[in-house]
């Protein structure tokens, strides 16, 4: 099967469940609106088929499929049909090359005062994470130290690259003050031009309530 180690077809309900429905709600909130409980025609409807792959150390790209997933895609001596692109390790569309990448986080999931992340990876064109260090990373604001009451807080920028991404310990997370309408940036200045195919984020995850501090929208630029 070449680079394609595992291939399954999985049904994912985008708007609802076959049996039950679950939603996030803030503690103490008694009633949910119709939009929070069940999707309506305003959500857009429709369906989407995607293909992806995973290996022991690499999570591959999700790619839209127009048509159906058929046996020819699994043969090592066959190329994907014209309407399907698996984009495993080569010929990945949307690969950008540059030396300075800036991420501007513009909205949280609801918190009006703080924004945070647990982990960050920059994915190269081969699907592997690029090497990051504090020598090439800066942030504005850098952390909570810009507030007088948080001078010794441990939730600093280096926690994004400490490798502890699946955790609820906030000592492995980055947190900054958030002001709606202002810039909240991370700048990564590589030593040489790098090809970047994607980004991986692990959002702020201290507790269910604190997930509202996670990043909802961001802008990227070279």
Protein backbone atom coordinates (compact mmCIF):
# COMPACT_ATOMS: atom_id res chain seq x y z
CA UNK A 1 0.00 0.00 0.00
CA UNK A 2 3.01 2.29 -0.18
CA UNK A 3 2.73 5.25 2.20
CA UNK A 4 -0.93 4.54 2.93
CA UNK A 5 -0.77 2.47 6.11
CA UNK A 6 -4.46 2.39 7.03
CA UNK A 7 -7.59 3.31 5.10
CA UNK A 8 -11.14 3.18 6.43
CA UNK A 9 -14.42 4.79 5.50
CA UNK A 10 -15.95 6.54 8.49
CA UNK A 11 -19.35 8.19 8.77
CA UNK A 12 -19.25 11.52 10.61
CA UNK A 13 -22.45 13.41 11.35
CA UNK A 14 -21.64 17.07 10.90
CA UNK A 15 -24.74 18.55 12.53
CA UNK A 16 -26.38 15.90 14.69
CA UNK A 17 -26.13 12.38 16.09
CA UNK A 18 -27.92 9.16 15.22
CA UNK A 19 -29.02 8.69 18.82
CA UNK A 20 -28.33 11.61 21.16
CA UNK A 21 -27.29 15.25 21.02
CA UNK A 22 -24.71 16.93 23.25
CA UNK A 23 -23.76 20.58 23.50
CA UNK A 24 -21.35 22.69 25.56
CA UNK A 25 -22.95 25.16 27.93
CA UNK A 26 -21.66 27.42 30.64
CA UNK A 27 -22.17 26.37 34.23
CA UNK A 28 -25.49 27.62 35.58
CA UNK A 29 -27.04 28.18 32.15
CA UNK A 30 -30.43 26.48 32.24
CA UNK A 31 -31.85 26.92 28.76
CA UNK A 32 -30.33 26.33 25.34
CA UNK A 33 -31.41 28.07 22.16
CA UNK A 34 -32.62 26.05 19.16
CA UNK A 35 -29.36 26.88 17.37
CA UNK A 36 -27.31 25.37 20.22
CA UNK A 37 -29.38 22.19 20.43
CA UNK A 38 -30.03 21.21 16.83
CA UNK A 39 -28.78 22.35 13.46
CA UNK A 40 -31.25 24.01 11.11
CA UNK A 41 -31.26 24.81 7.41
CA UNK A 42 -29.38 28.02 8.29
CA UNK A 43 -26.34 25.88 9.10
CA UNK A 44 -26.01 25.12 5.39
CA UNK A 45 -26.85 21.42 5.34
CA UNK A 46 -25.24 19.20 2.72
CA UNK A 47 -22.54 16.57 3.12
CA UNK A 48 -18.80 16.27 2.72
CA UNK A 49 -16.52 13.25 2.11
CA UNK A 50 -12.91 13.52 3.18
CA UNK A 51 -9.91 11.21 3.15
CA UNK A 52 -6.99 11.20 5.56
CA UNK A 53 -4.33 8.91 6.98
CA UNK A 54 -2.29 8.41 10.11
CA UNK A 55 0.98 6.69 10.97
CA UNK A 56 2.76 6.00 14.26
CA UNK A 57 4.29 9.49 14.41
CA UNK A 58 2.44 11.45 11.74
CA UNK A 59 -1.14 12.59 11.31
CA UNK A 60 -1.87 13.19 7.63
CA UNK A 61 -3.94 15.75 5.83
CA UNK A 62 -7.69 15.70 5.38
CA UNK A 63 -8.59 16.08 1.72
CA UNK A 64 -11.98 16.57 0.16
CA UNK A 65 -13.17 13.78 -2.17
CA UNK A 66 -15.55 14.46 -5.04
CA UNK A 67 -17.11 11.10 -5.81
CA UNK A 68 -16.43 7.86 -3.94
CA UNK A 69 -13.50 6.16 -2.27
CA UNK A 70 -12.68 3.06 -4.31
CA UNK A 71 -10.18 0.21 -4.35
CA UNK A 72 -7.85 1.76 -6.94
CA UNK A 73 -6.72 4.30 -4.36
CA UNK A 74 -5.22 1.53 -2.21
CA UNK A 75 -3.02 0.03 -4.94
CA UNK A 76 0.64 1.02 -4.63
CA UNK A 77 1.11 1.14 -8.41
CA UNK A 78 -1.93 3.33 -9.03
CA UNK A 79 -2.21 7.08 -8.81
CA UNK A 80 -5.36 8.67 -7.38
CA UNK A 81 -8.05 9.39 -9.92
CA UNK A 82 -8.36 12.94 -11.15
CA UNK A 83 -11.16 13.86 -8.74
CA UNK A 84 -9.29 12.60 -5.66
CA UNK A 85 -6.04 13.79 -4.13
CA UNK A 86 -4.68 12.00 -1.06
CA UNK A 87 -1.76 14.43 -0.67
CA UNK A 88 0.26 12.07 1.52
CA UNK A 89 3.80 13.45 1.44
CA UNK A 90 4.25 15.00 -1.99
CA UNK A 91 2.45 17.42 -4.30
CA UNK A 92 0.56 19.00 -1.42
CA UNK A 93 -1.49 21.99 -2.57
CA UNK A 94 -1.36 25.07 -0.40
CA UNK A 95 2.29 24.74 0.66
CA UNK A 96 3.71 28.17 1.49
CA UNK A 97 7.39 29.03 1.68
CA UNK A 98 8.95 31.83 3.68
CA UNK A 99 11.21 32.74 6.57
CA UNK A 100 8.89 34.69 8.86
CA UNK A 101 5.44 33.35 9.80
CA UNK A 102 3.05 35.43 11.87
CA UNK A 103 -0.13 34.16 13.54
CA UNK A 104 -2.65 36.74 14.73
CA UNK A 105 -5.28 35.40 17.11
CA UNK A 106 -8.41 37.49 16.74
CA UNK A 107 -11.15 35.71 18.69
CA UNK A 108 -11.63 33.33 21.61
CA UNK A 109 -14.48 30.88 22.12
CA UNK A 110 -16.17 33.39 24.41
CA UNK A 111 -13.76 34.63 27.06
CA UNK A 112 -13.47 38.41 26.87
CA UNK A 113 -10.32 38.78 28.95
CA UNK A 114 -7.88 35.93 28.26
CA UNK A 115 -6.68 33.86 25.29
CA UNK A 116 -4.58 30.74 25.45
CA UNK A 117 -3.17 27.64 23.75
CA UNK A 118 -1.69 24.36 24.97
CA UNK A 119 0.45 23.41 21.99
CA UNK A 120 1.55 24.51 18.52
CA UNK A 121 3.23 22.68 15.63
CA UNK A 122 4.21 23.99 12.22
CA UNK A 123 3.87 21.18 9.66
CA UNK A 124 6.37 20.93 6.82
CA UNK A 125 5.68 19.68 3.30
CA UNK A 126 6.67 16.13 4.33
CA UNK A 127 4.00 16.01 7.04
CA UNK A 128 6.54 16.26 9.87
CA UNK A 129 6.61 19.05 12.45
CA UNK A 130 9.31 21.67 11.89
CA UNK A 131 11.78 22.28 14.70
CA UNK A 132 10.78 25.24 16.89
CA UNK A 133 12.68 26.93 19.69
CA UNK A 134 12.42 30.08 21.73
CA UNK A 135 15.33 31.49 19.72
CA UNK A 136 13.02 31.98 16.74
CA UNK A 137 9.69 32.67 18.49
CA UNK A 138 8.26 35.88 19.92
CA UNK A 139 4.76 36.89 20.99
CA UNK A 140 2.89 40.11 21.59
CA UNK A 141 1.70 40.24 24.28
CA UNK A 142 4.30 37.68 25.42
CA UNK A 143 2.38 36.27 28.40
CA UNK A 144 0.56 37.38 31.55
CA UNK A 145 3.66 39.16 32.87
CA UNK A 146 2.35 42.35 31.21
CA UNK A 147 -0.20 42.45 34.04
CA UNK A 148 1.14 43.55 37.46
CA UNK A 149 -0.74 40.81 39.31
CA UNK A 150 0.77 38.00 37.19
CA UNK A 151 4.51 38.62 37.37
CA UNK A 152 5.42 35.02 38.29
CA UNK A 153 2.83 33.16 36.22
CA UNK A 154 4.15 29.97 34.59
CA UNK A 155 1.93 30.09 31.48
CA UNK A 156 4.62 31.43 29.16
CA UNK A 157 5.25 31.10 25.41
CA UNK A 158 7.79 28.27 25.73
CA UNK A 159 5.00 25.97 26.99
CA UNK A 160 3.61 25.78 23.44
CA UNK A 161 6.62 23.75 22.32
CA UNK A 162 7.34 21.66 25.45
CA UNK A 163 5.66 18.59 23.89
CA UNK A 164 2.96 18.34 26.57
CA UNK A 165 -0.06 18.94 24.34
CA UNK A 166 -2.58 16.43 25.70
CA UNK A 167 -2.95 17.73 29.22
CA UNK A 168 -5.20 19.74 31.52
CA UNK A 169 -2.26 21.07 33.55
CA UNK A 170 -2.11 24.79 32.90
CA UNK A 171 1.60 24.81 33.78
CA UNK A 172 2.03 23.44 30.22
CA UNK A 173 -0.09 26.15 28.60
CA UNK A 174 0.33 29.68 27.26
CA UNK A 175 -2.05 32.43 28.38
CA UNK A 176 -2.19 36.13 27.49
CA UNK A 177 -4.55 39.05 28.09
CA UNK A 178 -7.14 39.34 25.33
CA UNK A 179 -8.73 42.53 24.04
CA UNK A 180 -11.30 42.22 21.26
CA UNK A 181 -10.28 44.16 18.16
CA UNK A 182 -6.56 44.21 18.98
CA UNK A 183 -3.69 42.07 17.70
CA UNK A 184 -2.42 39.02 19.63
CA UNK A 185 0.48 37.61 17.66
CA UNK A 186 3.07 34.88 17.57
CA UNK A 187 5.96 35.48 15.17
CA UNK A 188 8.25 32.65 14.07
CA UNK A 189 11.45 33.72 12.25
CA UNK A 190 13.10 30.67 10.71
CA UNK A 191 16.84 30.60 10.03
CA UNK A 192 16.10 29.79 6.38
CA UNK A 193 13.09 29.62 4.08
CA UNK A 194 10.80 26.79 5.12
CA UNK A 195 7.94 25.10 3.26
CA UNK A 196 4.85 25.06 5.49
CA UNK A 197 1.87 22.84 4.63
CA UNK A 198 -0.21 23.27 7.76
CA UNK A 199 -0.56 24.15 11.42
CA UNK A 200 -1.53 22.03 14.41
CA UNK A 201 -3.07 23.65 17.46
CA UNK A 202 -3.98 22.24 20.86
CA UNK A 203 -6.38 24.69 22.44
CA UNK A 204 -6.46 25.89 26.03
CA UNK A 205 -7.78 22.96 28.05
CA UNK A 206 -7.42 23.61 31.78
CA UNK A 207 -11.10 22.81 32.44
CA UNK A 208 -14.40 22.75 30.51
CA UNK A 209 -15.08 26.33 31.64
CA UNK A 210 -11.61 27.51 30.65
CA UNK A 211 -11.94 26.15 27.10
CA UNK A 212 -13.70 29.44 26.33
CA UNK A 213 -10.21 30.98 26.48
CA UNK A 214 -9.11 28.89 23.48
CA UNK A 215 -8.50 30.33 20.04
CA UNK A 216 -11.52 30.40 17.73
CA UNK A 217 -10.19 32.48 14.81
CA UNK A 218 -6.71 33.47 13.68
CA UNK A 219 -4.98 35.01 10.66
CA UNK A 220 -1.68 33.79 9.25
CA UNK A 221 0.74 35.74 7.09
CA UNK A 222 4.32 35.60 5.81
